[in-house]
Protein backbone atom coordinates (compact mmCIF):
# COMPACT_ATOMS: atom_id res chain seq x y z
CA MET A 1 28.11 -19.47 -49.92
CA LYS A 2 29.91 -18.67 -53.13
CA ARG A 3 28.98 -16.87 -56.33
CA CYS A 4 28.48 -18.52 -59.69
CA PRO A 5 31.07 -17.11 -62.13
CA PHE A 6 28.50 -17.09 -64.97
CA CYS A 7 25.37 -15.56 -63.44
CA ALA A 8 26.79 -14.19 -60.13
CA GLU A 9 23.97 -15.73 -58.08
CA GLU A 10 24.80 -17.11 -54.65
CA ILE A 11 25.06 -20.90 -54.51
CA GLN A 12 26.04 -23.39 -51.83
CA ASP A 13 29.73 -24.15 -51.34
CA GLU A 14 29.03 -27.85 -51.97
CA ALA A 15 27.08 -27.19 -55.18
CA ILE A 16 28.23 -29.00 -58.29
CA LYS A 17 25.73 -27.22 -60.54
CA CYS A 18 24.28 -23.70 -60.44
CA ARG A 19 20.54 -23.88 -59.94
CA TYR A 20 20.03 -20.54 -61.69
CA CYS A 21 22.03 -20.81 -64.93
CA GLY A 22 22.80 -24.53 -65.05
CA ALA A 23 26.60 -24.15 -65.10
CA ALA A 24 28.22 -27.38 -63.95
CA LEU A 25 31.22 -27.62 -61.64
CA VAL A 26 33.59 -30.15 -63.20
CA LEU A 27 36.55 -31.48 -61.27
CA GLY A 28 39.48 -31.40 -63.64
CA GLY A 29 42.77 -33.25 -63.63
CA ALA A 30 44.24 -35.01 -60.63
CA ALA A 31 42.72 -35.41 -57.20
CA GLY A 32 42.81 -32.22 -55.21
CA ALA A 33 42.97 -30.04 -58.32
CA SER A 34 41.05 -26.83 -58.21
CA PRO A 35 37.54 -27.05 -59.63
CA VAL A 36 36.90 -25.73 -63.12
CA TRP A 37 33.59 -24.23 -64.12
CA ALA A 38 32.04 -25.56 -67.29
CA PRO A 39 29.59 -23.39 -69.24
CA PRO A 40 25.93 -24.34 -69.03
CA ALA A 41 24.64 -26.88 -71.50
CA SER A 42 23.27 -25.35 -74.65
CA SER A 43 19.55 -25.29 -75.09
CA ARG A 44 17.41 -25.25 -78.20
CA VAL A 45 14.52 -22.93 -78.92
CA SER A 46 11.10 -24.51 -78.69
CA GLY A 47 9.46 -24.93 -82.08
CA MET A 48 6.07 -24.36 -80.49
CA ALA A 49 7.28 -20.98 -79.17
CA ILE A 50 8.43 -19.96 -82.63
CA ALA A 51 5.13 -21.10 -84.13
CA SER A 52 3.18 -19.18 -81.48
CA LEU A 53 5.05 -15.96 -82.19
CA VAL A 54 4.74 -16.29 -85.97
CA LEU A 55 1.03 -17.12 -85.78
CA GLY A 56 0.49 -14.22 -83.39
CA ILE A 57 2.11 -11.82 -85.86
CA VAL A 58 0.44 -13.23 -88.97
CA TRP A 59 -3.27 -12.57 -88.96
CA PHE A 60 -5.67 -14.70 -90.98
CA TYR A 61 -9.32 -14.50 -89.91
CA TRP A 62 -8.61 -15.17 -86.22
CA ILE A 63 -7.74 -18.84 -86.76
CA THR A 64 -4.07 -17.95 -86.33
CA SER A 65 -4.93 -16.19 -83.07
CA ILE A 66 -6.41 -19.37 -81.65
CA LEU A 67 -3.42 -21.39 -82.85
CA ALA A 68 -1.01 -18.81 -81.38
CA LEU A 69 -2.70 -19.22 -78.00
CA VAL A 70 -2.67 -23.01 -78.15
CA PHE A 71 0.96 -23.26 -79.29
CA GLY A 72 2.06 -20.56 -76.83
CA TYR A 73 0.58 -22.28 -73.80
CA ILE A 74 1.96 -25.66 -74.90
CA ALA A 75 5.41 -24.12 -75.44
CA ARG A 76 5.45 -22.45 -72.02
CA ARG A 77 4.47 -25.70 -70.35
CA GLU A 78 7.27 -27.56 -72.21
CA ILE A 79 9.83 -24.88 -71.34
CA ASP A 80 8.79 -24.81 -67.68
CA ARG A 81 9.08 -28.59 -67.50
CA ASP A 82 12.70 -28.61 -68.72
CA PRO A 83 14.25 -25.11 -68.84
CA ALA A 84 17.78 -26.51 -69.20
CA LYS A 85 17.00 -28.04 -72.60
CA LEU A 86 14.42 -25.63 -74.04
CA SER A 87 14.36 -21.87 -74.36
CA GLY A 88 11.99 -19.41 -76.00
CA ARG A 89 9.66 -18.53 -73.14
CA GLY A 90 9.63 -14.89 -74.25
CA MET A 91 8.57 -15.84 -77.76
CA ALA A 92 5.81 -18.04 -76.38
CA THR A 93 4.60 -15.24 -74.13
CA ALA A 94 4.66 -12.77 -77.02
CA GLY A 95 2.62 -15.19 -79.14
CA ILE A 96 0.10 -15.57 -76.32
CA VAL A 97 -0.21 -11.79 -75.88
CA LEU A 98 -0.68 -11.24 -79.61
CA GLY A 99 -3.23 -14.05 -79.73
CA TRP A 100 -5.26 -12.45 -76.95
CA VAL A 101 -4.99 -9.02 -78.60
CA TRP A 102 -6.43 -10.42 -81.85
CA MET A 103 -9.17 -12.26 -79.91
CA GLY A 104 -10.05 -9.00 -78.13
CA LEU A 105 -10.27 -7.31 -81.49
CA LEU A 106 -12.65 -10.07 -82.63
CA VAL A 107 -14.92 -9.36 -79.66
CA VAL A 108 -14.92 -5.65 -80.47
CA VAL A 109 -15.79 -6.34 -84.12
CA ILE A 110 -18.63 -8.67 -83.11
CA VAL A 111 -20.04 -6.13 -80.64
CA VAL A 112 -19.88 -3.34 -83.23
CA ALA A 113 -21.54 -5.58 -85.84
CA VAL A 114 -24.37 -6.45 -83.42
CA VAL A 115 -24.92 -2.81 -82.47
CA VAL A 116 -24.98 -1.71 -86.12
CA SER A 117 -27.39 -4.50 -87.08
CA LEU A 118 -29.72 -3.63 -84.19
CA ARG A 119 -29.83 0.05 -85.26
CA SER A 120 -30.88 -0.84 -88.79
């Protein structure tokens, strides 16, 4: 076992790529040369994750809450499918949490409205 120089996780001696951070082991130069670590491939932020977070923050009659939930769950599924190419799981999760908070507030408003209308 050896340690990845980027994330310090233990990886197999024969590993050519770190399974944790995605850093690739590239053999450089002539045969028998010492291995050189290449940085992990860059990833892009999921547009769905950004949309989920923005819609979770912006409130417009609960329609944005529903869209934040939909985009957030789609974004997390996309990121989980290919984490080496996509990032933004935290933004997607934040959008989902905000969406559920707004939906919970909707339930509270509906319950209060029903109770007030029944008292009248």
